[in-house]
Amino acid sequence: MKRILFLLVVIFPLVFLSCEDEELNKKTIINLSGVTWYDTNVYLIDIDQETLKKSIEVGTVEVSKSCTVKSIYPYFRISAKDIHGKIILSRLLGISEKTVTVGEKDFQ
């Protein structure tokens, strides 16, 4: 009985901490650019090494809507298509907060 109780005491905090880490890594990106993004990719970037670490497909993100990604990396770029199929690419943006807004000025 003591062994079972000991295992529960040890395992429960580990499970709780792993769920908490996932929540900490969730980032919400809000589209306030005035343009609906189609075929959208979020590129996660580690600036120290200046390398692309991960590309996440998020699909269509309408104006004033958001997408959520999991990221431990401090920077990202948005790559998408506009309504005419033209590729649009954002500048390098920081993702230090849980919620980031991307506006018209963030696209080149």
PDB file of N, CA and C in Angstrom:
ATOM      1  N   MET A   1       0.816  -1.193   0.000  1.00  0.00           N
ATOM      2  CA  MET A   1       0.000   0.000   0.000  1.00  0.00           C
ATOM      3  C   MET A   1       0.862   1.261   0.000  1.00  0.00           C
ATOM      4  N   LYS A   2       1.927   1.224   0.788  1.00  0.00           N
ATOM      5  CA  LYS A   2       2.823   2.381   0.857  1.00  0.00           C
ATOM      6  C   LYS A   2       3.490   2.623  -0.494  1.00  0.00           C
ATOM      7  N   ARG A   3       3.808   1.544  -1.191  1.00  0.00           N
ATOM      8  CA  ARG A   3       4.449   1.683  -2.502  1.00  0.00           C
ATOM      9  C   ARG A   3       3.509   2.370  -3.492  1.00  0.00           C
ATOM     10  N   ILE A   4       2.261   1.973  -3.476  1.00  0.00           N
ATOM     11  CA  ILE A   4       1.279   2.574  -4.382  1.00  0.00           C
ATOM     12  C   ILE A   4       1.095   4.049  -4.058  1.00  0.00           C
ATOM     13  N   LEU A   5       0.983   4.353  -2.789  1.00  0.00           N
ATOM     14  CA  LEU A   5       0.844   5.745  -2.369  1.00  0.00           C
ATOM     15  C   LEU A   5       2.074   6.556  -2.765  1.00  0.00           C
ATOM     16  N   PHE A   6       3.247   5.969  -2.576  1.00  0.00           N
ATOM     17  CA  PHE A   6       4.488   6.646  -2.954  1.00  0.00           C
ATOM     18  C   PHE A   6       4.512   6.930  -4.457  1.00  0.00           C
ATOM     19  N   LEU A   7       4.136   5.941  -5.261  1.00  0.00           N
ATOM     20  CA  LEU A   7       4.117   6.128  -6.713  1.00  0.00           C
ATOM     21  C   LEU A   7       3.136   7.223  -7.117  1.00  0.00           C
ATOM     22  N   LEU A   8       1.977   7.246  -6.498  1.00  0.00           N
ATOM     23  CA  LEU A   8       1.000   8.294  -6.801  1.00  0.00           C
ATOM     24  C   LEU A   8       1.529   9.674  -6.439  1.00  0.00           C
ATOM     25  N   VAL A   9       2.195   9.771  -5.312  1.00  0.00           N
ATOM     26  CA  VAL A   9       2.746  11.055  -4.871  1.00  0.00           C
ATOM     27  C   VAL A   9       3.845  11.522  -5.820  1.00  0.00           C
ATOM     28  N   VAL A  10       4.618  10.607  -6.354  1.00  0.00           N
ATOM     29  CA  VAL A  10       5.712  10.967  -7.262  1.00  0.00           C
ATOM     30  C   VAL A  10       5.195  11.257  -8.667  1.00  0.00           C
ATOM     31  N   ILE A  11       4.279  10.461  -9.171  1.00  0.00           N
ATOM     32  CA  ILE A  11       3.818  10.582 -10.556  1.00  0.00           C
ATOM     33  C   ILE A  11       2.875  11.767 -10.754  1.00  0.00           C
ATOM     34  N   PHE A  12       1.973  12.024  -9.836  1.00  0.00           N
ATOM     35  CA  PHE A  12       0.986  13.094 -10.005  1.00  0.00           C
ATOM     36  C   PHE A  12       1.624  14.457 -10.272  1.00  0.00           C
ATOM     37  N   PRO A  13       2.612  14.889  -9.487  1.00  0.00           N
ATOM     38  CA  PRO A  13       3.228  16.198  -9.785  1.00  0.00           C
ATOM     39  C   PRO A  13       3.910  16.240 -11.153  1.00  0.00           C
ATOM     40  N   LEU A  14       4.498  15.129 -11.573  1.00  0.00           N
ATOM     41  CA  LEU A  14       5.154  15.101 -12.883  1.00  0.00           C
ATOM     42  C   LEU A  14       4.142  15.285 -14.006  1.00  0.00           C
ATOM     43  N   VAL A  15       3.010  14.641 -13.895  1.00  0.00           N
ATOM     44  CA  VAL A  15       1.959  14.793 -14.903  1.00  0.00           C
ATOM     45  C   VAL A  15       1.440  16.221 -14.900  1.00  0.00           C
ATOM     46  N   PHE A  16       1.223  16.778 -13.740  1.00  0.00           N
ATOM     47  CA  PHE A  16       0.729  18.145 -13.619  1.00  0.00           C
ATOM     48  C   PHE A  16       1.718  19.141 -14.217  1.00  0.00           C
ATOM     49  N   LEU A  17       3.007  18.964 -13.952  1.00  0.00           N
ATOM     50  CA  LEU A  17       4.020  19.879 -14.486  1.00  0.00           C
ATOM     51  C   LEU A  17       4.129  19.778 -15.995  1.00  0.00           C
ATOM     52  N   SER A  18       3.999  18.582 -16.550  1.00  0.00           N
ATOM     53  CA  SER A  18       4.092  18.456 -18.008  1.00  0.00           C
ATOM     54  C   SER A  18       2.913  19.149 -18.681  1.00  0.00           C
ATOM     55  N   CYS A  19       1.727  19.095 -18.106  1.00  0.00           N
ATOM     56  CA  CYS A  19       0.572  19.804 -18.665  1.00  0.00           C
ATOM     57  C   CYS A  19       0.769  21.306 -18.554  1.00  0.00           C
ATOM     58  N   GLU A  20       1.349  21.756 -17.468  1.00  0.00           N
ATOM     59  CA  GLU A  20       1.589  23.178 -17.274  1.00  0.00           C
ATOM     60  C   GLU A  20       2.587  23.698 -18.307  1.00  0.00           C
ATOM     61  N   ASP A  21       3.619  22.916 -18.624  1.00  0.00           N
ATOM     62  CA  ASP A  21       4.599  23.323 -19.629  1.00  0.00           C
ATOM     63  C   ASP A  21       3.948  23.494 -20.993  1.00  0.00           C
ATOM     64  N   GLU A  22       3.018  22.601 -21.340  1.00  0.00           N
ATOM     65  CA  GLU A  22       2.328  22.725 -22.621  1.00  0.00           C
ATOM     66  C   GLU A  22       1.542  24.026 -22.684  1.00  0.00           C
ATOM     67  N   GLU A  23       0.888  24.385 -21.599  1.00  0.00           N
ATOM     68  CA  GLU A  23       0.121  25.630 -21.561  1.00  0.00           C
ATOM     69  C   GLU A  23       1.041  26.840 -21.689  1.00  0.00           C
ATOM     70  N   LEU A  24       2.209  26.782 -21.073  1.00  0.00           N
ATOM     71  CA  LEU A  24       3.144  27.900 -21.146  1.00  0.00           C
ATOM     72  C   LEU A  24       3.650  28.116 -22.562  1.00  0.00           C
ATOM     73  N   ASN A  25       3.755  27.049 -23.335  1.00  0.00           N
ATOM     74  CA  ASN A  25       4.295  27.142 -24.687  1.00  0.00           C
ATOM     75  C   ASN A  25       3.250  27.504 -25.732  1.00  0.00           C
ATOM     76  N   LYS A  26       1.975  27.556 -25.375  1.00  0.00           N
ATOM     77  CA  LYS A  26       0.937  27.912 -26.341  1.00  0.00           C
ATOM     78  C   LYS A  26       0.950  29.414 -26.577  1.00  0.00           C
ATOM     79  N   LYS A  27       1.022  29.792 -27.835  1.00  0.00           N
ATOM     80  CA  LYS A  27       1.033  31.199 -28.231  1.00  0.00           C
ATOM     81  C   LYS A  27      -0.125  31.450 -29.192  1.00  0.00           C
ATOM     82  N   THR A  28      -0.826  32.542 -28.986  1.00  0.00           N
ATOM     83  CA  THR A  28      -1.941  32.917 -29.846  1.00  0.00           C
ATOM     84  C   THR A  28      -1.520  34.090 -30.718  1.00  0.00           C
ATOM     85  N   ILE A  29      -1.682  33.932 -32.024  1.00  0.00           N
ATOM     86  CA  ILE A  29      -1.327  34.971 -32.994  1.00  0.00           C
ATOM     87  C   ILE A  29      -2.626  35.508 -33.588  1.00  0.00           C
ATOM     88  N   ILE A  30      -2.860  36.808 -33.422  1.00  0.00           N
ATOM     89  CA  ILE A  30      -4.096  37.438 -33.896  1.00  0.00           C
ATOM     90  C   ILE A  30      -3.821  38.210 -35.181  1.00  0.00           C
ATOM     91  N   ASN A  31      -4.646  37.978 -36.192  1.00  0.00           N
ATOM     92  CA  ASN A  31      -4.510  38.641 -37.489  1.00  0.00           C
ATOM     93  C   ASN A  31      -5.261  39.976 -37.471  1.00  0.00           C
ATOM     94  N   LEU A  32      -4.522  41.067 -37.363  1.00  0.00           N
ATOM     95  CA  LEU A  32      -5.105  42.411 -37.466  1.00  0.00           C
ATOM     96  C   LEU A  32      -4.500  43.162 -38.653  1.00  0.00           C
ATOM     97  N   SER A  33      -4.124  42.408 -39.688  1.00  0.00           N
ATOM     98  CA  SER A  33      -3.446  42.991 -40.846  1.00  0.00           C
ATOM     99  C   SER A  33      -4.408  43.590 -41.864  1.00  0.00           C
ATOM    100  N   GLY A  34      -5.693  43.291 -41.737  1.00  0.00           N
ATOM    101  CA  GLY A  34      -6.658  43.774 -42.718  1.00  0.00           C
ATOM    102  C   GLY A  34      -6.796  42.852 -43.913  1.00  0.00           C
ATOM    103  N   VAL A  35      -6.060  41.745 -43.923  1.00  0.00           N
ATOM    104  CA  VAL A  35      -6.073  40.790 -45.033  1.00  0.00           C
ATOM    105  C   VAL A  35      -6.266  39.389 -44.457  1.00  0.00           C
ATOM    106  N   THR A  36      -7.189  38.617 -45.045  1.00  0.00           N
ATOM    107  CA  THR A  36      -7.333  37.219 -44.638  1.00  0.00           C
ATOM    108  C   THR A  36      -6.136  36.443 -45.155  1.00  0.00           C
ATOM    109  N   TRP A  37      -5.559  35.612 -44.293  1.00  0.00           N
ATOM    110  CA  TRP A  37      -4.404  34.801 -44.673  1.00  0.00           C
ATOM    111  C   TRP A  37      -4.891  33.426 -45.114  1.00  0.00           C
ATOM    112  N   TYR A  38      -4.457  32.995 -46.305  1.00  0.00           N
ATOM    113  CA  TYR A  38      -4.781  31.669 -46.819  1.00  0.00           C
ATOM    114  C   TYR A  38      -3.504  30.840 -46.868  1.00  0.00           C
ATOM    115  N   ASP A  39      -3.629  29.519 -46.714  1.00  0.00           N
ATOM    116  CA  ASP A  39      -2.472  28.607 -46.732  1.00  0.00           C
ATOM    117  C   ASP A  39      -1.359  29.141 -45.828  1.00  0.00           C
ATOM    118  N   THR A  40      -1.711  29.481 -44.624  1.00  0.00           N
ATOM    119  CA  THR A  40      -0.793  30.156 -43.710  1.00  0.00           C
ATOM    120  C   THR A  40       0.175  29.187 -43.049  1.00  0.00           C
ATOM    121  N   ASN A  41       1.434  29.607 -42.979  1.00  0.00           N
ATOM    122  CA  ASN A  41       2.466  28.897 -42.231  1.00  0.00           C
ATOM    123  C   ASN A  41       3.065  29.845 -41.210  1.00  0.00           C
ATOM    124  N   VAL A  42       3.321  29.327 -40.026  1.00  0.00           N
ATOM    125  CA  VAL A  42       4.044  30.075 -39.000  1.00  0.00           C
ATOM    126  C   VAL A  42       5.427  29.451 -38.922  1.00  0.00           C
ATOM    127  N   TYR A  43       6.458  30.259 -39.192  1.00  0.00           N
ATOM    128  CA  TYR A  43       7.834  29.792 -39.127  1.00  0.00           C
ATOM    129  C   TYR A  43       8.419  30.197 -37.783  1.00  0.00           C
ATOM    130  N   LEU A  44       8.805  29.212 -36.978  1.00  0.00           N
ATOM    131  CA  LEU A  44       9.394  29.472 -35.668  1.00  0.00           C
ATOM    132  C   LEU A  44      10.904  29.547 -35.819  1.00  0.00           C
ATOM    133  N   ILE A  45      11.494  30.598 -35.256  1.00  0.00           N
ATOM    134  CA  ILE A  45      12.900  30.900 -35.509  1.00  0.00           C
ATOM    135  C   ILE A  45      13.643  31.099 -34.203  1.00  0.00           C
ATOM    136  N   ASP A  46      14.824  30.482 -34.126  1.00  0.00           N
ATOM    137  CA  ASP A  46      15.737  30.692 -33.003  1.00  0.00           C
ATOM    138  C   ASP A  46      16.750  31.728 -33.451  1.00  0.00           C
ATOM    139  N   ILE A  47      16.645  32.931 -32.931  1.00  0.00           N
ATOM    140  CA  ILE A  47      17.461  34.044 -33.419  1.00  0.00           C
ATOM    141  C   ILE A  47      18.938  33.887 -33.074  1.00  0.00           C
ATOM    142  N   ASP A  48      19.243  33.183 -31.978  1.00  0.00           N
ATOM    143  CA  ASP A  48      20.645  33.004 -31.598  1.00  0.00           C
ATOM    144  C   ASP A  48      21.415  32.279 -32.694  1.00  0.00           C
ATOM    145  N   GLN A  49      20.774  31.292 -33.286  1.00  0.00           N
ATOM    146  CA  GLN A  49      21.415  30.535 -34.358  1.00  0.00           C
ATOM    147  C   GLN A  49      20.949  31.010 -35.728  1.00  0.00           C
ATOM    148  N   GLU A  50      19.990  31.941 -35.742  1.00  0.00           N
ATOM    149  CA  GLU A  50      19.411  32.464 -36.976  1.00  0.00           C
ATOM    150  C   GLU A  50      18.944  31.344 -37.901  1.00  0.00           C
ATOM    151  N   THR A  51      18.272  30.374 -37.309  1.00  0.00           N
ATOM    152  CA  THR A  51      17.819  29.237 -38.098  1.00  0.00           C
ATOM    153  C   THR A  51      16.324  29.006 -37.913  1.00  0.00           C
ATOM    154  N   LEU A  52      15.716  28.501 -38.963  1.00  0.00           N
ATOM    155  CA  LEU A  52      14.316  28.093 -38.915  1.00  0.00           C
ATOM    156  C   LEU A  52      14.252  26.780 -38.149  1.00  0.00           C
ATOM    157  N   LYS A  53      13.476  26.758 -37.088  1.00  0.00           N
ATOM    158  CA  LYS A  53      13.377  25.559 -36.264  1.00  0.00           C
ATOM    159  C   LYS A  53      12.167  24.705 -36.612  1.00  0.00           C
ATOM    160  N   LYS A  54      11.064  25.352 -37.003  1.00  0.00           N
ATOM    161  CA  LYS A  54       9.852  24.590 -37.256  1.00  0.00           C
ATOM    162  C   LYS A  54       8.900  25.401 -38.120  1.00  0.00           C
ATOM    163  N   SER A  55       8.169  24.711 -38.971  1.00  0.00           N
ATOM    164  CA  SER A  55       7.119  25.329 -39.773  1.00  0.00           C
ATOM    165  C   SER A  55       5.800  24.665 -39.402  1.00  0.00           C
ATOM    166  N   ILE A  56       4.810  25.492 -39.059  1.00  0.00           N
ATOM    167  CA  ILE A  56       3.512  24.962 -38.653  1.00  0.00           C
ATOM    168  C   ILE A  56       2.443  25.489 -39.603  1.00  0.00           C
ATOM    169  N   GLU A  57       1.712  24.569 -40.247  1.00  0.00           N
ATOM    170  CA  GLU A  57       0.603  24.962 -41.120  1.00  0.00           C
ATOM    171  C   GLU A  57      -0.611  25.255 -40.254  1.00  0.00           C
ATOM    172  N   VAL A  58      -1.191  26.439 -40.438  1.00  0.00           N
ATOM    173  CA  VAL A  58      -2.377  26.804 -39.651  1.00  0.00           C
ATOM    174  C   VAL A  58      -3.595  27.080 -40.529  1.00  0.00           C
ATOM    175  N   GLY A  59      -3.446  26.963 -41.843  1.00  0.00           N
ATOM    176  CA  GLY A  59      -4.591  27.120 -42.746  1.00  0.00           C
ATOM    177  C   GLY A  59      -5.003  28.563 -42.944  1.00  0.00           C
ATOM    178  N   THR A  60      -6.305  28.800 -42.991  1.00  0.00           N
ATOM    179  CA  THR A  60      -6.850  30.138 -43.223  1.00  0.00           C
ATOM    180  C   THR A  60      -7.075  30.848 -41.893  1.00  0.00           C
ATOM    181  N   VAL A  61      -6.604  32.099 -41.820  1.00  0.00           N
ATOM    182  CA  VAL A  61      -6.822  32.923 -40.626  1.00  0.00           C
ATOM    183  C   VAL A  61      -7.465  34.221 -41.098  1.00  0.00           C
ATOM    184  N   GLU A  62      -8.735  34.384 -40.773  1.00  0.00           N
ATOM    185  CA  GLU A  62      -9.465  35.580 -41.192  1.00  0.00           C
ATOM    186  C   GLU A  62      -9.054  36.785 -40.355  1.00  0.00           C
ATOM    187  N   VAL A  63      -9.384  37.969 -40.855  1.00  0.00           N
ATOM    188  CA  VAL A  63      -9.095  39.209 -40.135  1.00  0.00           C
ATOM    189  C   VAL A  63      -9.813  39.176 -38.783  1.00  0.00           C
ATOM    190  N   SER A  64      -9.128  39.582 -37.752  1.00  0.00           N
ATOM    191  CA  SER A  64      -9.613  39.602 -36.357  1.00  0.00           C
ATOM    192  C   SER A  64      -9.746  38.218 -35.739  1.00  0.00           C
ATOM    193  N   LYS A  65      -9.307  37.189 -36.437  1.00  0.00           N
ATOM    194  CA  LYS A  65      -9.308  35.825 -35.893  1.00  0.00           C
ATOM    195  C   LYS A  65      -7.884  35.469 -35.489  1.00  0.00           C
ATOM    196  N   SER A  66      -7.729  34.332 -34.836  1.00  0.00           N
ATOM    197  CA  SER A  66      -6.406  33.958 -34.344  1.00  0.00           C
ATOM    198  C   SER A  66      -6.091  32.506 -34.658  1.00  0.00           C
ATOM    199  N   CYS A  67      -4.831  32.175 -34.515  1.00  0.00           N
ATOM    200  CA  CYS A  67      -4.370  30.797 -34.582  1.00  0.00           C
ATOM    201  C   CYS A  67      -3.480  30.570 -33.361  1.00  0.00           C
ATOM    202  N   THR A  68      -3.382  29.338 -32.937  1.00  0.00           N
ATOM    203  CA  THR A  68      -2.582  29.007 -31.763  1.00  0.00           C
ATOM    204  C   THR A  68      -1.501  28.023 -32.159  1.00  0.00           C
ATOM    205  N   VAL A  69      -0.279  28.290 -31.711  1.00  0.00           N
ATOM    206  CA  VAL A  69       0.850  27.406 -31.969  1.00  0.00           C
ATOM    207  C   VAL A  69       1.572  27.142 -30.658  1.00  0.00           C
ATOM    208  N   LYS A  70       2.294  26.037 -30.608  1.00  0.00           N
ATOM    209  CA  LYS A  70       3.152  25.749 -29.461  1.00  0.00           C
ATOM    210  C   LYS A  70       4.567  26.120 -29.865  1.00  0.00           C
ATOM    211  N   SER A  71       5.212  26.947 -29.053  1.00  0.00           N
ATOM    212  CA  SER A  71       6.551  27.402 -29.413  1.00  0.00           C
ATOM    213  C   SER A  71       7.388  27.690 -28.179  1.00  0.00           C
ATOM    214  N   ILE A  72       8.626  27.222 -28.220  1.00  0.00           N
ATOM    215  CA  ILE A  72       9.602  27.606 -27.199  1.00  0.00           C
ATOM    216  C   ILE A  72      10.589  28.611 -27.786  1.00  0.00           C
ATOM    217  N   TYR A  73      10.419  28.919 -29.064  1.00  0.00           N
ATOM    218  CA  TYR A  73      11.344  29.822 -29.749  1.00  0.00           C
ATOM    219  C   TYR A  73      10.861  31.265 -29.639  1.00  0.00           C
ATOM    220  N   PRO A  74      11.792  32.216 -29.590  1.00  0.00           N
ATOM    221  CA  PRO A  74      11.419  33.602 -29.299  1.00  0.00           C
ATOM    222  C   PRO A  74      10.901  34.411 -30.491  1.00  0.00           C
ATOM    223  N   TYR A  75      11.066  33.932 -31.707  1.00  0.00           N
ATOM    224  CA  TYR A  75      10.688  34.718 -32.886  1.00  0.00           C
ATOM    225  C   TYR A  75       9.917  33.867 -33.889  1.00  0.00           C
ATOM    226  N   PHE A  76       9.160  34.554 -34.751  1.00  0.00           N
ATOM    227  CA  PHE A  76       8.402  33.858 -35.789  1.00  0.00           C
ATOM    228  C   PHE A  76       8.194  34.780 -36.983  1.00  0.00           C
ATOM    229  N   ARG A  77       7.799  34.179 -38.093  1.00  0.00           N
ATOM    230  CA  ARG A  77       7.364  34.884 -39.299  1.00  0.00           C
ATOM    231  C   ARG A  77       6.075  34.225 -39.766  1.00  0.00           C
ATOM    232  N   ILE A  78       5.234  35.023 -40.413  1.00  0.00           N
ATOM    233  CA  ILE A  78       4.013  34.507 -41.036  1.00  0.00           C
ATOM    234  C   ILE A  78       4.238  34.496 -42.544  1.00  0.00           C
ATOM    235  N   SER A  79       3.941  33.374 -43.168  1.00  0.00           N
ATOM    236  CA  SER A  79       3.936  33.272 -44.622  1.00  0.00           C
ATOM    237  C   SER A  79       2.538  32.815 -45.017  1.00  0.00           C
ATOM    238  N   ALA A  80       1.914  33.565 -45.924  1.00  0.00           N
ATOM    239  CA  ALA A  80       0.543  33.238 -46.319  1.00  0.00           C
ATOM    240  C   ALA A  80       0.284  33.751 -47.729  1.00  0.00           C
ATOM    241  N   LYS A  81      -0.907  33.470 -48.215  1.00  0.00           N
ATOM    242  CA  LYS A  81      -1.354  34.014 -49.497  1.00  0.00           C
ATOM    243  C   LYS A  81      -2.529  34.935 -49.229  1.00  0.00           C
ATOM    244  N   ASP A  82      -2.618  36.003 -50.029  1.00  0.00           N
ATOM    245  CA  ASP A  82      -3.786  36.876 -49.911  1.00  0.00           C
ATOM    246  C   ASP A  82      -4.898  36.333 -50.808  1.00  0.00           C
ATOM    247  N   ILE A  83      -5.983  37.067 -50.942  1.00  0.00           N
ATOM    248  CA  ILE A  83      -7.147  36.607 -51.709  1.00  0.00           C
ATOM    249  C   ILE A  83      -6.825  36.397 -53.192  1.00  0.00           C
ATOM    250  N   HIS A  84      -5.786  37.076 -53.690  1.00  0.00           N
ATOM    251  CA  HIS A  84      -5.389  36.956 -55.097  1.00  0.00           C
ATOM    252  C   HIS A  84      -4.329  35.876 -55.313  1.00  0.00           C
ATOM    253  N   GLY A  85      -3.905  35.200 -54.243  1.00  0.00           N
ATOM    254  CA  GLY A  85      -2.889  34.162 -54.351  1.00  0.00           C
ATOM    255  C   GLY A  85      -1.469  34.681 -54.235  1.00  0.00           C
ATOM    256  N   LYS A  86      -1.315  35.976 -53.980  1.00  0.00           N
ATOM    257  CA  LYS A  86       0.015  36.569 -53.825  1.00  0.00           C
ATOM    258  C   LYS A  86       0.580  36.185 -52.455  1.00  0.00           C
ATOM    259  N   ILE A  87       1.835  35.749 -52.431  1.00  0.00           N
ATOM    260  CA  ILE A  87       2.470  35.366 -51.172  1.00  0.00           C
ATOM    261  C   ILE A  87       2.842  36.613 -50.388  1.00  0.00           C
ATOM    262  N   ILE A  88       2.469  36.620 -49.121  1.00  0.00           N
ATOM    263  CA  ILE A  88       2.840  37.715 -48.230  1.00  0.00           C
ATOM    264  C   ILE A  88       3.690  37.133 -47.099  1.00  0.00           C
ATOM    265  N   LEU A  89       4.708  37.872 -46.687  1.00  0.00           N
ATOM    266  CA  LEU A  89       5.647  37.415 -45.665  1.00  0.00           C
ATOM    267  C   LEU A  89       5.830  38.515 -44.636  1.00  0.00           C
ATOM    268  N   SER A  90       5.660  38.165 -43.386  1.00  0.00           N
ATOM    269  CA  SER A  90       5.835  39.167 -42.329  1.00  0.00           C
ATOM    270  C   SER A  90       7.315  39.353 -42.024  1.00  0.00           C
ATOM    271  N   ARG A  91       7.603  40.447 -41.364  1.00  0.00           N
ATOM    272  CA  ARG A  91       8.960  40.648 -40.862  1.00  0.00           C
ATOM    273  C   ARG A  91       9.155  39.719 -39.667  1.00  0.00           C
ATOM    274  N   LEU A  92      10.357  39.637 -39.156  1.00  0.00           N
ATOM    275  CA  LEU A  92      10.655  38.839 -37.977  1.00  0.00           C
ATOM    276  C   LEU A  92       9.972  39.472 -36.770  1.00  0.00           C
ATOM    277  N   LEU A  93       9.155  38.700 -36.075  1.00  0.00           N
ATOM    278  CA  LEU A  93       8.373  39.214 -34.951  1.00  0.00           C
ATOM    279  C   LEU A  93       8.690  38.433 -33.683  1.00  0.00           C
ATOM    280  N   GLY A  94       8.659  39.125 -32.553  1.00  0.00           N
ATOM    281  CA  GLY A  94       8.885  38.478 -31.263  1.00  0.00           C
ATOM    282  C   GLY A  94       7.624  37.796 -30.766  1.00  0.00           C
ATOM    283  N   ILE A  95       7.806  36.725 -30.040  1.00  0.00           N
ATOM    284  CA  ILE A  95       6.663  35.968 -29.527  1.00  0.00           C
ATOM    285  C   ILE A  95       6.850  35.689 -28.037  1.00  0.00           C
ATOM    286  N   SER A  96       7.257  36.715 -27.298  1.00  0.00           N
ATOM    287  CA  SER A  96       7.545  36.544 -25.873  1.00  0.00           C
ATOM    288  C   SER A  96       6.284  36.462 -25.019  1.00  0.00           C
ATOM    289  N   GLU A  97       5.202  37.027 -25.475  1.00  0.00           N
ATOM    290  CA  GLU A  97       3.944  37.003 -24.722  1.00  0.00           C
ATOM    291  C   GLU A  97       3.078  35.827 -25.179  1.00  0.00           C
ATOM    292  N   LYS A  98       2.027  35.542 -24.433  1.00  0.00           N
ATOM    293  CA  LYS A  98       1.099  34.469 -24.819  1.00  0.00           C
ATOM    294  C   LYS A  98       0.261  34.852 -26.026  1.00  0.00           C
ATOM    295  N   THR A  99       0.024  36.166 -26.210  1.00  0.00           N
ATOM    296  CA  THR A  99      -0.777  36.651 -27.329  1.00  0.00           C
ATOM    297  C   THR A  99       0.008  37.708 -28.092  1.00  0.00           C
ATOM    298  N   VAL A 100       0.061  37.548 -29.406  1.00  0.00           N
ATOM    299  CA  VAL A 100       0.769  38.488 -30.273  1.00  0.00           C
ATOM    300  C   VAL A 100      -0.188  38.934 -31.370  1.00  0.00           C
ATOM    301  N   THR A 101      -0.242  40.228 -31.640  1.00  0.00           N
ATOM    302  CA  THR A 101      -1.049  40.716 -32.759  1.00  0.00           C
ATOM    303  C   THR A 101      -0.132  41.041 -33.928  1.00  0.00           C
ATOM    304  N   VAL A 102      -0.584  40.684 -35.117  1.00  0.00           N
ATOM    305  CA  VAL A 102       0.164  40.958 -36.341  1.00  0.00           C
ATOM    306  C   VAL A 102      -0.662  41.943 -37.153  1.00  0.00           C
ATOM    307  N   GLY A 103      -0.105  43.125 -37.381  1.00  0.00           N
ATOM    308  CA  GLY A 103      -0.806  44.175 -38.105  1.00  0.00           C
ATOM    309  C   GLY A 103      -0.282  44.365 -39.511  1.00  0.00           C
ATOM    310  N   GLU A 104      -0.869  45.308 -40.220  1.00  0.00           N
ATOM    311  CA  GLU A 104      -0.488  45.603 -41.604  1.00  0.00           C
ATOM    312  C   GLU A 104       0.977  46.011 -41.705  1.00  0.00           C
ATOM    313  N   LYS A 105       1.465  46.759 -40.732  1.00  0.00           N
ATOM    314  CA  LYS A 105       2.850  47.250 -40.759  1.00  0.00           C
ATOM    315  C   LYS A 105       3.879  46.128 -40.583  1.00  0.00           C
ATOM    316  N   ASP A 106       3.424  44.947 -40.166  1.00  0.00           N
ATOM    317  CA  ASP A 106       4.338  43.831 -39.941  1.00  0.00           C
ATOM    318  C   ASP A 106       4.662  43.052 -41.212  1.00  0.00           C
ATOM    319  N   PHE A 107       4.008  43.413 -42.324  1.00  0.00           N
ATOM    320  CA  PHE A 107       4.284  42.743 -43.591  1.00  0.00           C
ATOM    321  C   PHE A 107       5.141  43.630 -44.474  1.00  0.00           C
ATOM    322  N   GLN A 108       6.049  43.000 -45.211  1.00  0.00           N
ATOM    323  CA  GLN A 108       6.987  43.739 -46.064  1.00  0.00           C
ATOM    324  C   GLN A 108       6.328  44.137 -47.359  1.00  0.00           C
TER     325      GLN A 108
END
